[in-house]
């Protein structure tokens, strides 16, 4: 079995502490994930954004080929999930932010 996705492992190791994610669009945000799980190579997570957009739910999933970690959003006024983009970097958020 191939190695687990390095960004997914980093997010999993940091949570439930806040984690700063950078998307392929250049957007960054601080998230707290209440759960993250691996199912073989597949990765999933559920959480909230703490620095903005507090009323929305956020979800992490790996792509079908396990090459990307994708971030989705579901707002209170929306039906279903919309993909925000690929997570290209993840790091522990500073406690003073």
N, C-alpha and C. Protein backbone atom coordinates (compact mmCIF):
# COMPACT_ATOMS: atom_id res chain seq x y z
N UNK A 1 0.85 -1.19 0.00
CA UNK A 1 0.00 0.00 0.00
C UNK A 1 0.89 1.24 0.00
N UNK A 2 0.52 2.21 -0.80
CA UNK A 2 1.27 3.46 -0.86
C UNK A 2 1.12 4.25 0.42
N UNK A 3 2.01 5.20 0.59
CA UNK A 3 1.96 6.05 1.78
C UNK A 3 0.70 6.89 1.80
N UNK A 4 0.30 7.27 3.00
CA UNK A 4 -0.84 8.17 3.16
C UNK A 4 -0.44 9.57 2.69
N UNK A 5 -1.41 10.34 2.27
CA UNK A 5 -1.17 11.69 1.75
C UNK A 5 -0.51 12.53 2.85
N UNK A 6 0.62 13.21 2.56
CA UNK A 6 1.33 13.96 3.60
C UNK A 6 0.53 15.12 4.20
N UNK A 7 -0.27 15.81 3.39
CA UNK A 7 -1.09 16.91 3.93
C UNK A 7 -2.18 16.34 4.82
N UNK A 8 -2.80 15.24 4.41
CA UNK A 8 -3.83 14.61 5.24
C UNK A 8 -3.24 14.16 6.57
N UNK A 9 -2.05 13.58 6.56
CA UNK A 9 -1.40 13.16 7.80
C UNK A 9 -1.13 14.35 8.71
N UNK A 10 -0.68 15.46 8.13
CA UNK A 10 -0.39 16.66 8.91
C UNK A 10 -1.66 17.19 9.58
N UNK A 11 -2.75 17.28 8.82
CA UNK A 11 -4.02 17.74 9.39
C UNK A 11 -4.47 16.80 10.50
N UNK A 12 -4.40 15.51 10.26
CA UNK A 12 -4.82 14.51 11.24
C UNK A 12 -4.00 14.62 12.53
N UNK A 13 -2.71 14.87 12.41
CA UNK A 13 -1.84 14.97 13.58
C UNK A 13 -2.06 16.26 14.37
N UNK A 14 -2.48 17.33 13.70
CA UNK A 14 -2.70 18.62 14.38
C UNK A 14 -4.06 18.67 15.06
N UNK A 15 -5.09 18.14 14.43
CA UNK A 15 -6.44 18.25 14.99
C UNK A 15 -6.52 17.52 16.33
N UNK A 16 -7.28 17.98 17.30
CA UNK A 16 -8.32 19.00 17.21
C UNK A 16 -7.83 20.44 17.39
N UNK A 17 -6.52 20.64 17.44
CA UNK A 17 -5.99 22.00 17.50
C UNK A 17 -6.24 22.70 16.16
N UNK A 18 -6.29 24.04 16.16
CA UNK A 18 -6.52 24.78 14.92
C UNK A 18 -5.40 24.53 13.91
N UNK A 19 -5.78 24.45 12.65
CA UNK A 19 -4.84 24.22 11.56
C UNK A 19 -5.09 25.25 10.47
N UNK A 20 -3.99 25.83 9.96
CA UNK A 20 -4.09 26.80 8.87
C UNK A 20 -3.95 26.03 7.56
N UNK A 21 -4.96 26.18 6.70
CA UNK A 21 -4.94 25.53 5.40
C UNK A 21 -4.75 26.56 4.30
N UNK A 22 -3.96 26.20 3.30
CA UNK A 22 -3.82 27.02 2.11
C UNK A 22 -4.37 26.23 0.94
N UNK A 23 -5.24 26.88 0.17
CA UNK A 23 -5.84 26.25 -1.01
C UNK A 23 -5.04 26.60 -2.26
N UNK A 24 -5.27 25.83 -3.32
CA UNK A 24 -4.58 26.08 -4.58
C UNK A 24 -4.89 27.45 -5.17
N UNK A 25 -5.96 28.08 -4.71
CA UNK A 25 -6.31 29.43 -5.17
C UNK A 25 -5.49 30.51 -4.47
N UNK A 26 -4.75 30.12 -3.40
CA UNK A 26 -3.99 31.08 -2.61
C UNK A 26 -4.72 31.49 -1.34
N UNK A 27 -6.01 31.17 -1.24
CA UNK A 27 -6.77 31.51 -0.04
C UNK A 27 -6.28 30.69 1.14
N UNK A 28 -6.19 31.34 2.31
CA UNK A 28 -5.82 30.64 3.54
C UNK A 28 -6.90 30.87 4.58
N UNK A 29 -7.00 29.95 5.52
CA UNK A 29 -7.95 30.07 6.62
C UNK A 29 -7.56 29.15 7.75
N UNK A 30 -8.12 29.44 8.93
CA UNK A 30 -7.86 28.63 10.11
C UNK A 30 -9.11 27.80 10.40
N UNK A 31 -8.91 26.50 10.55
CA UNK A 31 -10.01 25.55 10.72
C UNK A 31 -9.77 24.71 11.97
N UNK A 32 -10.87 24.29 12.58
CA UNK A 32 -10.82 23.30 13.66
C UNK A 32 -11.66 22.12 13.21
N UNK A 33 -11.04 20.96 13.15
CA UNK A 33 -11.73 19.76 12.71
C UNK A 33 -12.10 18.91 13.92
N UNK A 34 -13.39 18.63 14.06
CA UNK A 34 -13.86 17.83 15.19
C UNK A 34 -13.52 16.36 15.00
N UNK A 35 -13.32 15.96 13.74
CA UNK A 35 -12.91 14.58 13.48
C UNK A 35 -12.19 14.51 12.15
N UNK A 36 -11.20 13.64 12.11
CA UNK A 36 -10.54 13.27 10.86
C UNK A 36 -10.30 11.77 10.93
N UNK A 37 -10.44 11.11 9.79
CA UNK A 37 -10.30 9.65 9.76
C UNK A 37 -9.65 9.20 8.46
N UNK A 38 -8.89 8.14 8.57
CA UNK A 38 -8.38 7.46 7.39
C UNK A 38 -9.14 6.16 7.23
N UNK A 39 -9.52 5.84 6.00
CA UNK A 39 -10.10 4.55 5.63
C UNK A 39 -9.18 4.02 4.54
N UNK A 40 -8.19 3.20 4.94
CA UNK A 40 -7.11 2.81 4.04
C UNK A 40 -6.39 4.09 3.64
N UNK A 41 -6.38 4.46 2.35
CA UNK A 41 -5.73 5.70 1.91
C UNK A 41 -6.70 6.87 1.85
N UNK A 42 -8.00 6.60 1.91
CA UNK A 42 -9.01 7.66 1.85
C UNK A 42 -9.00 8.44 3.16
N UNK A 43 -9.13 9.75 3.06
CA UNK A 43 -9.11 10.65 4.22
C UNK A 43 -10.38 11.47 4.23
N UNK A 44 -10.94 11.67 5.42
CA UNK A 44 -12.14 12.50 5.60
C UNK A 44 -12.00 13.32 6.87
N UNK A 45 -12.63 14.48 6.88
CA UNK A 45 -12.65 15.31 8.07
C UNK A 45 -13.85 16.23 8.05
N UNK A 46 -14.29 16.61 9.25
CA UNK A 46 -15.42 17.54 9.41
C UNK A 46 -15.00 18.63 10.38
N UNK A 47 -15.34 19.88 10.07
CA UNK A 47 -14.97 20.96 10.97
C UNK A 47 -15.60 22.28 10.63
N UNK A 48 -15.03 23.33 11.24
CA UNK A 48 -15.51 24.70 11.08
C UNK A 48 -14.30 25.60 10.82
N UNK A 49 -14.59 26.74 10.23
CA UNK A 49 -13.55 27.76 10.05
C UNK A 49 -13.65 28.73 11.21
N UNK A 50 -12.54 29.04 11.85
CA UNK A 50 -12.57 29.87 13.05
C UNK A 50 -12.25 31.33 12.80
N UNK A 51 -11.66 31.66 11.65
CA UNK A 51 -11.28 33.05 11.39
C UNK A 51 -12.29 33.78 10.49
N UNK A 52 -13.28 33.08 9.98
CA UNK A 52 -14.31 33.68 9.12
C UNK A 52 -15.34 32.61 8.81
N UNK A 53 -16.50 33.01 8.27
CA UNK A 53 -17.49 32.06 7.76
C UNK A 53 -17.91 31.04 8.82
N UNK A 54 -18.15 31.53 10.03
CA UNK A 54 -18.40 30.65 11.18
C UNK A 54 -19.69 29.86 11.09
N UNK A 55 -20.65 30.27 10.26
CA UNK A 55 -21.92 29.57 10.16
C UNK A 55 -21.90 28.39 9.19
N UNK A 56 -20.81 28.19 8.50
CA UNK A 56 -20.71 27.11 7.51
C UNK A 56 -20.01 25.90 8.11
N UNK A 57 -20.28 24.75 7.52
CA UNK A 57 -19.58 23.51 7.86
C UNK A 57 -18.57 23.23 6.75
N UNK A 58 -17.47 22.61 7.11
CA UNK A 58 -16.41 22.31 6.15
C UNK A 58 -16.08 20.84 6.21
N UNK A 59 -15.72 20.29 5.05
CA UNK A 59 -15.42 18.86 4.94
C UNK A 59 -14.15 18.68 4.11
N UNK A 60 -13.30 17.78 4.58
CA UNK A 60 -12.12 17.37 3.84
C UNK A 60 -12.34 15.98 3.27
N UNK A 61 -11.91 15.77 2.03
CA UNK A 61 -11.94 14.44 1.42
C UNK A 61 -10.73 14.31 0.50
N UNK A 62 -10.32 13.09 0.24
CA UNK A 62 -9.29 12.88 -0.77
C UNK A 62 -9.97 12.65 -2.11
N UNK A 63 -9.24 12.98 -3.17
CA UNK A 63 -9.74 12.74 -4.52
C UNK A 63 -9.78 11.23 -4.77
N UNK A 64 -10.44 10.84 -5.84
CA UNK A 64 -10.58 9.41 -6.16
C UNK A 64 -9.24 8.70 -6.31
N UNK A 65 -8.21 9.42 -6.77
CA UNK A 65 -6.89 8.81 -6.93
C UNK A 65 -5.98 9.03 -5.71
N UNK A 66 -6.51 9.64 -4.66
CA UNK A 66 -5.81 9.90 -3.39
C UNK A 66 -4.65 10.88 -3.54
N UNK A 67 -4.59 11.60 -4.64
CA UNK A 67 -3.49 12.53 -4.90
C UNK A 67 -3.75 13.93 -4.34
N UNK A 68 -5.01 14.25 -4.04
CA UNK A 68 -5.36 15.59 -3.56
C UNK A 68 -6.23 15.48 -2.31
N UNK A 69 -6.06 16.48 -1.43
CA UNK A 69 -6.98 16.66 -0.32
C UNK A 69 -7.84 17.86 -0.69
N UNK A 70 -9.15 17.67 -0.74
CA UNK A 70 -10.09 18.69 -1.19
C UNK A 70 -10.89 19.23 -0.03
N UNK A 71 -11.19 20.53 -0.06
CA UNK A 71 -11.98 21.18 0.99
C UNK A 71 -13.33 21.59 0.41
N UNK A 72 -14.40 21.18 1.08
CA UNK A 72 -15.75 21.55 0.68
C UNK A 72 -16.42 22.38 1.75
N UNK A 73 -17.46 23.09 1.35
CA UNK A 73 -18.19 23.99 2.25
C UNK A 73 -19.68 23.79 2.06
N UNK A 74 -20.41 23.84 3.19
CA UNK A 74 -21.86 23.82 3.16
C UNK A 74 -22.36 24.90 4.11
N UNK A 75 -23.01 25.91 3.55
CA UNK A 75 -23.54 27.00 4.36
C UNK A 75 -24.95 26.71 4.81
N UNK A 76 -25.43 27.48 5.79
CA UNK A 76 -26.76 27.29 6.33
C UNK A 76 -27.85 27.58 5.30
N UNK A 77 -27.55 28.40 4.30
CA UNK A 77 -28.53 28.76 3.28
C UNK A 77 -28.34 27.98 1.98
N UNK A 78 -27.57 26.88 2.02
CA UNK A 78 -27.27 26.11 0.82
C UNK A 78 -27.73 24.67 0.97
N UNK A 79 -28.04 24.05 -0.14
CA UNK A 79 -28.32 22.62 -0.17
C UNK A 79 -27.08 21.92 -0.69
N UNK A 80 -26.52 21.03 0.08
CA UNK A 80 -25.36 20.27 -0.37
C UNK A 80 -24.05 20.99 -0.14
N UNK A 81 -23.02 20.43 -0.78
CA UNK A 81 -21.65 20.88 -0.60
C UNK A 81 -21.12 21.48 -1.88
N UNK A 82 -20.26 22.51 -1.74
CA UNK A 82 -19.53 23.05 -2.88
C UNK A 82 -18.03 22.91 -2.59
N UNK A 83 -17.28 22.55 -3.62
CA UNK A 83 -15.84 22.38 -3.47
C UNK A 83 -15.16 23.73 -3.53
N UNK A 84 -14.31 24.00 -2.56
CA UNK A 84 -13.55 25.25 -2.53
C UNK A 84 -12.21 25.11 -3.23
N UNK A 85 -11.63 23.91 -3.20
CA UNK A 85 -10.36 23.71 -3.87
C UNK A 85 -9.50 22.67 -3.19
N UNK A 86 -8.30 22.52 -3.74
CA UNK A 86 -7.32 21.56 -3.21
C UNK A 86 -6.51 22.21 -2.10
N UNK A 87 -6.30 21.48 -1.01
CA UNK A 87 -5.44 21.94 0.07
C UNK A 87 -4.00 21.67 -0.37
N UNK A 88 -3.19 22.74 -0.45
CA UNK A 88 -1.80 22.58 -0.89
C UNK A 88 -0.80 22.71 0.26
N UNK A 89 -1.26 23.21 1.42
CA UNK A 89 -0.39 23.32 2.60
C UNK A 89 -1.24 23.31 3.85
N UNK A 90 -0.69 22.73 4.91
CA UNK A 90 -1.37 22.69 6.20
C UNK A 90 -0.31 22.82 7.29
N UNK A 91 -0.59 23.68 8.26
CA UNK A 91 0.33 23.85 9.38
C UNK A 91 -0.47 24.21 10.63
N UNK A 92 0.12 23.92 11.77
CA UNK A 92 -0.53 24.27 13.04
C UNK A 92 -0.67 25.78 13.09
N UNK A 93 -1.88 26.24 13.44
CA UNK A 93 -2.14 27.68 13.57
C UNK A 93 -1.59 28.14 14.91
N UNK A 94 -1.06 29.35 14.95
CA UNK A 94 -0.55 29.89 16.21
C UNK A 94 -1.69 30.12 17.18
N UNK A 95 -1.43 29.88 18.45
CA UNK A 95 -2.46 30.00 19.48
C UNK A 95 -2.92 31.44 19.68
N UNK A 96 -2.10 32.42 19.33
CA UNK A 96 -2.47 33.82 19.57
C UNK A 96 -3.23 34.44 18.40
N UNK A 97 -3.68 33.65 17.45
CA UNK A 97 -4.42 34.21 16.30
C UNK A 97 -5.90 34.13 16.52
